[in-house]
């Protein structure tokens, strides 16, 4: 299970650490502590929060063909051959169809941090090194 420090959760949400702390204090997010005593948020709980509070961008501008969207895996549908991976990156919901083998090799789970790489009509999913 992925646990994210408050500062990492804030970066993924595009808000300040104080905002994440207010969400915790207000009961919108649950928090615990890691072995070092830092406050952490469960990745799956953060994914649920992101899905519930996501909103479309106001400007409607299209992005570059080589965008990288860092966000949280909010949904996975995996069968024997293919998988549908949904990543919520701030206001952007990106859905990718990749092989089931790739999902297993990446060890993807709901709540994990992942990067959706968009190039032409292809969306690739990657995970940052060391975050798990």
N, C-alpha and C. Protein backbone atom coordinates (compact mmCIF):
# COMPACT_ATOMS: atom_id res chain seq x y z
N UNK A 1 0.85 -1.17 0.00
CA UNK A 1 0.00 0.00 0.00
C UNK A 1 0.90 1.24 0.00
N UNK A 2 0.57 2.23 -0.81
CA UNK A 2 1.34 3.45 -0.91
C UNK A 2 0.89 4.46 0.14
N UNK A 3 1.85 5.01 0.86
CA UNK A 3 1.60 6.10 1.79
C UNK A 3 2.43 7.29 1.34
N UNK A 4 1.81 8.46 1.31
CA UNK A 4 2.46 9.68 0.85
C UNK A 4 2.56 10.68 1.98
N UNK A 5 3.72 11.32 2.09
CA UNK A 5 3.86 12.39 3.07
C UNK A 5 2.94 13.53 2.66
N UNK A 6 2.59 14.35 3.63
CA UNK A 6 1.68 15.48 3.39
C UNK A 6 2.23 16.36 2.28
N UNK A 7 3.54 16.61 2.26
CA UNK A 7 4.12 17.48 1.23
C UNK A 7 3.99 16.86 -0.16
N UNK A 8 4.13 15.52 -0.27
CA UNK A 8 3.96 14.85 -1.56
C UNK A 8 2.51 14.89 -2.01
N UNK A 9 1.60 14.68 -1.06
CA UNK A 9 0.17 14.75 -1.39
C UNK A 9 -0.18 16.15 -1.87
N UNK A 10 0.36 17.18 -1.22
CA UNK A 10 0.09 18.56 -1.62
C UNK A 10 0.60 18.82 -3.03
N UNK A 11 1.79 18.33 -3.34
CA UNK A 11 2.36 18.54 -4.68
C UNK A 11 1.47 17.87 -5.72
N UNK A 12 1.00 16.66 -5.45
CA UNK A 12 0.15 15.95 -6.41
C UNK A 12 -1.21 16.63 -6.59
N UNK A 13 -1.71 17.23 -5.52
CA UNK A 13 -2.99 17.93 -5.60
C UNK A 13 -2.84 19.35 -6.16
N UNK A 14 -1.62 19.87 -6.18
CA UNK A 14 -1.40 21.23 -6.65
C UNK A 14 -1.84 22.26 -5.63
N UNK A 15 -1.71 21.92 -4.34
CA UNK A 15 -2.10 22.82 -3.26
C UNK A 15 -0.96 22.91 -2.25
N UNK A 16 -1.11 23.75 -1.25
CA UNK A 16 -0.10 23.88 -0.21
C UNK A 16 -0.22 22.75 0.81
N UNK A 17 0.85 22.55 1.57
CA UNK A 17 0.80 21.54 2.64
C UNK A 17 -0.24 21.94 3.69
N UNK A 18 -0.41 23.25 3.91
CA UNK A 18 -1.42 23.70 4.87
C UNK A 18 -2.82 23.29 4.42
N UNK A 19 -3.07 23.36 3.12
CA UNK A 19 -4.38 22.95 2.60
C UNK A 19 -4.62 21.47 2.87
N UNK A 20 -3.61 20.64 2.63
CA UNK A 20 -3.75 19.19 2.91
C UNK A 20 -3.99 18.98 4.40
N UNK A 21 -3.27 19.70 5.24
CA UNK A 21 -3.48 19.58 6.69
C UNK A 21 -4.90 19.98 7.08
N UNK A 22 -5.44 21.02 6.43
CA UNK A 22 -6.83 21.42 6.70
C UNK A 22 -7.80 20.33 6.25
N UNK A 23 -7.51 19.68 5.11
CA UNK A 23 -8.36 18.57 4.66
C UNK A 23 -8.33 17.44 5.68
N UNK A 24 -7.17 17.18 6.25
CA UNK A 24 -7.05 16.14 7.28
C UNK A 24 -7.83 16.54 8.52
N UNK A 25 -7.62 17.78 8.99
CA UNK A 25 -8.30 18.26 10.19
C UNK A 25 -9.82 18.29 10.00
N UNK A 26 -10.26 18.57 8.77
CA UNK A 26 -11.68 18.62 8.47
C UNK A 26 -12.32 17.27 8.17
N UNK A 27 -11.51 16.22 8.21
CA UNK A 27 -12.05 14.88 8.00
C UNK A 27 -12.20 14.49 6.53
N UNK A 28 -11.71 15.32 5.61
CA UNK A 28 -11.80 14.98 4.19
C UNK A 28 -10.77 13.93 3.80
N UNK A 29 -9.64 13.91 4.51
CA UNK A 29 -8.58 12.93 4.29
C UNK A 29 -8.19 12.33 5.63
N UNK A 30 -7.87 11.05 5.63
CA UNK A 30 -7.37 10.40 6.83
C UNK A 30 -5.86 10.40 6.78
N UNK A 31 -5.23 10.54 7.94
CA UNK A 31 -3.77 10.54 7.99
C UNK A 31 -3.29 9.65 9.13
N UNK A 32 -2.08 9.16 8.93
CA UNK A 32 -1.41 8.39 9.96
C UNK A 32 0.01 8.89 10.08
N UNK A 33 0.86 8.12 10.68
CA UNK A 33 2.28 8.48 10.77
C UNK A 33 3.12 7.33 10.26
N UNK A 34 4.26 7.69 9.63
CA UNK A 34 5.18 6.65 9.17
C UNK A 34 6.18 6.32 10.27
N UNK A 35 7.12 5.44 9.98
CA UNK A 35 8.10 5.01 10.98
C UNK A 35 8.97 6.16 11.48
N UNK A 36 9.13 7.21 10.67
CA UNK A 36 9.93 8.38 11.06
C UNK A 36 9.11 9.42 11.80
N UNK A 37 7.82 9.16 11.99
CA UNK A 37 6.96 10.10 12.69
C UNK A 37 6.34 11.17 11.82
N UNK A 38 6.51 11.08 10.49
CA UNK A 38 5.91 12.05 9.58
C UNK A 38 4.45 11.68 9.32
N UNK A 39 3.62 12.70 9.14
CA UNK A 39 2.22 12.44 8.80
C UNK A 39 2.16 11.96 7.37
N UNK A 40 1.37 10.92 7.14
CA UNK A 40 1.22 10.35 5.82
C UNK A 40 -0.25 10.15 5.51
N UNK A 41 -0.54 10.16 4.21
CA UNK A 41 -1.90 9.94 3.70
C UNK A 41 -1.86 8.67 2.87
N UNK A 42 -2.85 7.82 3.04
CA UNK A 42 -2.95 6.60 2.24
C UNK A 42 -3.20 6.96 0.78
N UNK A 43 -2.43 6.36 -0.13
CA UNK A 43 -2.55 6.68 -1.55
C UNK A 43 -3.94 6.40 -2.10
N UNK A 44 -4.56 5.30 -1.69
CA UNK A 44 -5.90 4.97 -2.18
C UNK A 44 -6.92 5.99 -1.69
N UNK A 45 -6.76 6.46 -0.43
CA UNK A 45 -7.67 7.48 0.11
C UNK A 45 -7.49 8.80 -0.65
N UNK A 46 -6.23 9.14 -0.96
CA UNK A 46 -5.97 10.35 -1.73
C UNK A 46 -6.55 10.23 -3.14
N UNK A 47 -6.45 9.04 -3.73
CA UNK A 47 -7.03 8.81 -5.07
C UNK A 47 -8.54 9.03 -5.05
N UNK A 48 -9.20 8.52 -4.01
CA UNK A 48 -10.65 8.72 -3.87
C UNK A 48 -10.96 10.20 -3.75
N UNK A 49 -10.20 10.91 -2.92
CA UNK A 49 -10.39 12.34 -2.72
C UNK A 49 -10.22 13.10 -4.04
N UNK A 50 -9.18 12.76 -4.79
CA UNK A 50 -8.90 13.43 -6.07
C UNK A 50 -10.06 13.22 -7.04
N UNK A 51 -10.56 11.99 -7.11
CA UNK A 51 -11.68 11.71 -8.03
C UNK A 51 -12.91 12.51 -7.65
N UNK A 52 -13.18 12.58 -6.35
CA UNK A 52 -14.38 13.28 -5.89
C UNK A 52 -14.29 14.79 -6.06
N UNK A 53 -13.08 15.34 -6.04
CA UNK A 53 -12.91 16.79 -6.06
C UNK A 53 -12.28 17.31 -7.34
N UNK A 54 -12.11 16.46 -8.34
CA UNK A 54 -11.51 16.90 -9.61
C UNK A 54 -12.47 17.82 -10.34
N UNK A 55 -11.91 18.78 -11.03
CA UNK A 55 -12.73 19.68 -11.85
C UNK A 55 -12.01 19.93 -13.16
N UNK A 56 -12.75 20.22 -14.18
CA UNK A 56 -12.17 20.46 -15.50
C UNK A 56 -11.45 21.80 -15.53
N UNK A 57 -10.38 21.90 -16.32
CA UNK A 57 -9.69 23.19 -16.43
C UNK A 57 -10.61 24.23 -17.04
N UNK A 58 -10.46 25.47 -16.59
CA UNK A 58 -11.32 26.55 -17.06
C UNK A 58 -10.97 27.06 -18.45
N UNK A 59 -9.67 27.00 -18.82
CA UNK A 59 -9.27 27.63 -20.07
C UNK A 59 -9.54 26.78 -21.31
N UNK A 60 -9.69 25.49 -21.18
CA UNK A 60 -9.98 24.62 -22.30
C UNK A 60 -8.85 24.52 -23.30
N UNK A 61 -7.65 24.99 -22.94
CA UNK A 61 -6.52 24.96 -23.86
C UNK A 61 -5.99 23.54 -24.01
N UNK A 62 -5.61 23.20 -25.24
CA UNK A 62 -5.03 21.90 -25.50
C UNK A 62 -3.55 21.93 -25.14
N UNK A 63 -3.05 20.79 -24.69
CA UNK A 63 -1.65 20.72 -24.29
C UNK A 63 -0.77 20.24 -25.41
N UNK A 64 0.51 20.26 -25.17
CA UNK A 64 1.51 19.79 -26.11
C UNK A 64 1.37 18.30 -26.32
N UNK A 65 1.87 17.82 -27.46
CA UNK A 65 1.81 16.40 -27.77
C UNK A 65 2.77 15.59 -26.93
N UNK A 66 3.66 16.24 -26.21
CA UNK A 66 4.64 15.52 -25.39
C UNK A 66 4.49 15.88 -23.91
N UNK A 67 3.29 15.83 -23.41
CA UNK A 67 3.02 16.16 -22.01
C UNK A 67 3.23 14.96 -21.10
N UNK A 68 3.66 15.26 -19.90
CA UNK A 68 3.79 14.26 -18.85
C UNK A 68 2.90 14.71 -17.70
N UNK A 69 1.97 13.87 -17.32
CA UNK A 69 1.02 14.19 -16.26
C UNK A 69 1.31 13.30 -15.06
N UNK A 70 1.87 13.88 -14.00
CA UNK A 70 2.13 13.14 -12.77
C UNK A 70 0.87 13.19 -11.93
N UNK A 71 0.41 12.04 -11.49
CA UNK A 71 -0.80 11.99 -10.69
C UNK A 71 -0.94 10.69 -9.95
N UNK A 72 -2.15 10.39 -9.57
CA UNK A 72 -2.46 9.18 -8.82
C UNK A 72 -3.28 8.22 -9.65
N UNK A 73 -2.97 6.95 -9.53
CA UNK A 73 -3.79 5.92 -10.17
C UNK A 73 -5.10 5.86 -9.39
N UNK A 74 -6.20 6.15 -10.08
CA UNK A 74 -7.50 6.18 -9.41
C UNK A 74 -8.38 4.97 -9.75
N UNK A 75 -8.03 4.26 -10.83
CA UNK A 75 -8.81 3.07 -11.19
C UNK A 75 -7.97 2.16 -12.07
N UNK A 76 -8.16 0.87 -11.90
CA UNK A 76 -7.51 -0.15 -12.71
C UNK A 76 -8.54 -1.21 -13.09
N UNK A 77 -8.58 -1.55 -14.36
CA UNK A 77 -9.40 -2.68 -14.82
C UNK A 77 -8.45 -3.58 -15.60
N UNK A 78 -8.15 -4.74 -15.05
CA UNK A 78 -7.16 -5.63 -15.64
C UNK A 78 -7.82 -6.96 -15.99
N UNK A 79 -7.64 -7.40 -17.25
CA UNK A 79 -8.08 -8.75 -17.61
C UNK A 79 -6.85 -9.57 -17.95
N UNK A 80 -6.99 -10.65 -18.68
CA UNK A 80 -5.86 -11.52 -18.95
C UNK A 80 -4.82 -10.88 -19.87
N UNK A 81 -5.25 -10.03 -20.80
CA UNK A 81 -4.34 -9.48 -21.80
C UNK A 81 -4.13 -7.97 -21.65
N UNK A 82 -5.20 -7.23 -21.45
CA UNK A 82 -5.14 -5.76 -21.46
C UNK A 82 -5.58 -5.19 -20.11
N UNK A 83 -5.23 -3.91 -19.93
CA UNK A 83 -5.62 -3.20 -18.71
C UNK A 83 -5.98 -1.77 -19.06
N UNK A 84 -6.94 -1.23 -18.32
CA UNK A 84 -7.30 0.18 -18.42
C UNK A 84 -6.81 0.83 -17.14
N UNK A 85 -5.96 1.86 -17.29
CA UNK A 85 -5.38 2.56 -16.15
C UNK A 85 -5.87 4.00 -16.18
N UNK A 86 -6.43 4.45 -15.07
CA UNK A 86 -6.92 5.82 -14.97
C UNK A 86 -6.02 6.58 -14.00
N UNK A 87 -5.51 7.72 -14.46
CA UNK A 87 -4.65 8.57 -13.64
C UNK A 87 -5.31 9.94 -13.51
N UNK A 88 -5.43 10.43 -12.28
CA UNK A 88 -5.94 11.78 -12.04
C UNK A 88 -4.75 12.65 -11.71
N UNK A 89 -4.44 13.59 -12.60
CA UNK A 89 -3.30 14.49 -12.43
C UNK A 89 -3.85 15.91 -12.31
N UNK A 90 -4.06 16.35 -11.09
CA UNK A 90 -4.71 17.65 -10.89
C UNK A 90 -6.09 17.59 -11.50
N UNK A 91 -6.43 18.54 -12.38
CA UNK A 91 -7.75 18.52 -12.99
C UNK A 91 -7.85 17.57 -14.19
N UNK A 92 -6.73 16.93 -14.53
CA UNK A 92 -6.70 16.10 -15.73
C UNK A 92 -6.90 14.62 -15.39
N UNK A 93 -7.89 14.01 -16.02
CA UNK A 93 -8.11 12.57 -15.91
C UNK A 93 -7.61 11.94 -17.20
N UNK A 94 -6.60 11.08 -17.07
CA UNK A 94 -6.01 10.44 -18.23
C UNK A 94 -6.25 8.94 -18.12
N UNK A 95 -6.78 8.35 -19.19
CA UNK A 95 -7.05 6.92 -19.22
C UNK A 95 -6.18 6.30 -20.30
N UNK A 96 -5.49 5.22 -19.95
CA UNK A 96 -4.60 4.54 -20.89
C UNK A 96 -4.94 3.07 -20.95
N UNK A 97 -4.85 2.51 -22.15
CA UNK A 97 -4.97 1.07 -22.33
C UNK A 97 -3.57 0.53 -22.55
N UNK A 98 -3.13 -0.32 -21.64
CA UNK A 98 -1.80 -0.93 -21.72
C UNK A 98 -1.95 -2.42 -21.47
N UNK A 99 -0.89 -3.16 -21.68
CA UNK A 99 -0.98 -4.60 -21.46
C UNK A 99 -1.09 -4.90 -19.97
N UNK A 100 -1.75 -6.00 -19.67
CA UNK A 100 -1.86 -6.46 -18.28
C UNK A 100 -0.47 -6.77 -17.74
N UNK A 101 0.39 -7.26 -18.60
CA UNK A 101 1.77 -7.57 -18.20
C UNK A 101 2.48 -6.30 -17.72
N UNK A 102 2.28 -5.17 -18.41
CA UNK A 102 2.90 -3.91 -18.01
C UNK A 102 2.41 -3.47 -16.63
N UNK A 103 1.12 -3.63 -16.37
CA UNK A 103 0.56 -3.28 -15.06
C UNK A 103 1.24 -4.11 -13.98
N UNK A 104 1.40 -5.40 -14.23
CA UNK A 104 2.03 -6.28 -13.24
C UNK A 104 3.50 -5.95 -13.07
N UNK A 105 4.21 -5.67 -14.17
CA UNK A 105 5.63 -5.33 -14.08
C UNK A 105 5.85 -4.02 -13.31
N UNK A 106 4.96 -3.04 -13.51
CA UNK A 106 5.05 -1.77 -12.80
C UNK A 106 4.54 -1.89 -11.37
N UNK A 107 3.81 -2.96 -11.09
CA UNK A 107 3.24 -3.13 -9.75
C UNK A 107 2.18 -2.09 -9.44
N UNK A 108 1.45 -1.66 -10.47
CA UNK A 108 0.46 -0.59 -10.29
C UNK A 108 -0.70 -1.02 -9.40
N UNK A 109 -1.06 -0.13 -8.50
CA UNK A 109 -2.23 -0.31 -7.64
C UNK A 109 -2.93 1.04 -7.53
N UNK A 110 -4.22 1.03 -7.24
CA UNK A 110 -4.95 2.26 -6.99
C UNK A 110 -4.27 2.98 -5.84
N UNK A 111 -4.02 4.27 -6.02
CA UNK A 111 -3.36 5.07 -5.00
C UNK A 111 -1.89 5.28 -5.25
N UNK A 112 -1.31 4.57 -6.23
CA UNK A 112 0.10 4.75 -6.57
C UNK A 112 0.31 6.05 -7.34
N UNK A 113 1.50 6.62 -7.18
CA UNK A 113 1.91 7.76 -7.98
C UNK A 113 2.38 7.22 -9.32
N UNK A 114 1.91 7.84 -10.40
CA UNK A 114 2.30 7.41 -11.75
C UNK A 114 2.35 8.63 -12.66
N UNK A 115 3.03 8.47 -13.79
CA UNK A 115 3.10 9.53 -14.79
C UNK A 115 2.48 9.03 -16.07
N UNK A 116 1.50 9.76 -16.58
CA UNK A 116 0.91 9.46 -17.88
C UNK A 116 1.68 10.29 -18.90
N UNK A 117 2.30 9.61 -19.85
CA UNK A 117 3.07 10.28 -20.89
C UNK A 117 2.25 10.26 -22.16
N UNK A 118 1.90 11.45 -22.65
CA UNK A 118 1.03 11.56 -23.82
C UNK A 118 1.86 11.98 -25.01
N UNK A 119 1.82 11.17 -26.04
CA UNK A 119 2.51 11.50 -27.29
C UNK A 119 1.63 10.99 -28.43
N UNK A 120 1.17 11.89 -29.26
CA UNK A 120 0.23 11.57 -30.34
C UNK A 120 -1.00 10.92 -29.71
N UNK A 121 -1.37 9.73 -30.15
CA UNK A 121 -2.55 9.06 -29.59
C UNK A 121 -2.16 8.00 -28.58
N UNK A 122 -0.91 7.94 -28.19
CA UNK A 122 -0.41 6.94 -27.27
C UNK A 122 -0.23 7.53 -25.88
N UNK A 123 -0.71 6.82 -24.86
CA UNK A 123 -0.49 7.22 -23.47
C UNK A 123 0.24 6.09 -22.78
N UNK A 124 1.43 6.40 -22.26
CA UNK A 124 2.23 5.40 -21.55
C UNK A 124 2.18 5.72 -20.06
N UNK A 125 2.30 4.70 -19.22
CA UNK A 125 2.27 4.87 -17.78
C UNK A 125 3.64 4.51 -17.22
N UNK A 126 4.17 5.37 -16.35
CA UNK A 126 5.46 5.15 -15.70
C UNK A 126 5.33 5.48 -14.23
N UNK A 127 6.21 4.97 -13.40
CA UNK A 127 6.21 5.28 -11.98
C UNK A 127 7.55 5.89 -11.60
N UNK A 128 7.57 6.79 -10.62
CA UNK A 128 8.84 7.37 -10.21
C UNK A 128 9.66 6.34 -9.45
N UNK A 129 10.96 6.40 -9.58
CA UNK A 129 11.84 5.47 -8.88
C UNK A 129 11.84 5.80 -7.40
N UNK A 130 11.77 4.77 -6.58
CA UNK A 130 11.87 4.97 -5.13
C UNK A 130 10.57 5.26 -4.43
N UNK A 131 9.51 5.60 -5.12
CA UNK A 131 8.22 5.85 -4.45
C UNK A 131 7.38 4.60 -4.62
N UNK A 132 7.01 4.03 -3.53
CA UNK A 132 6.19 2.81 -3.57
C UNK A 132 5.53 2.64 -2.26
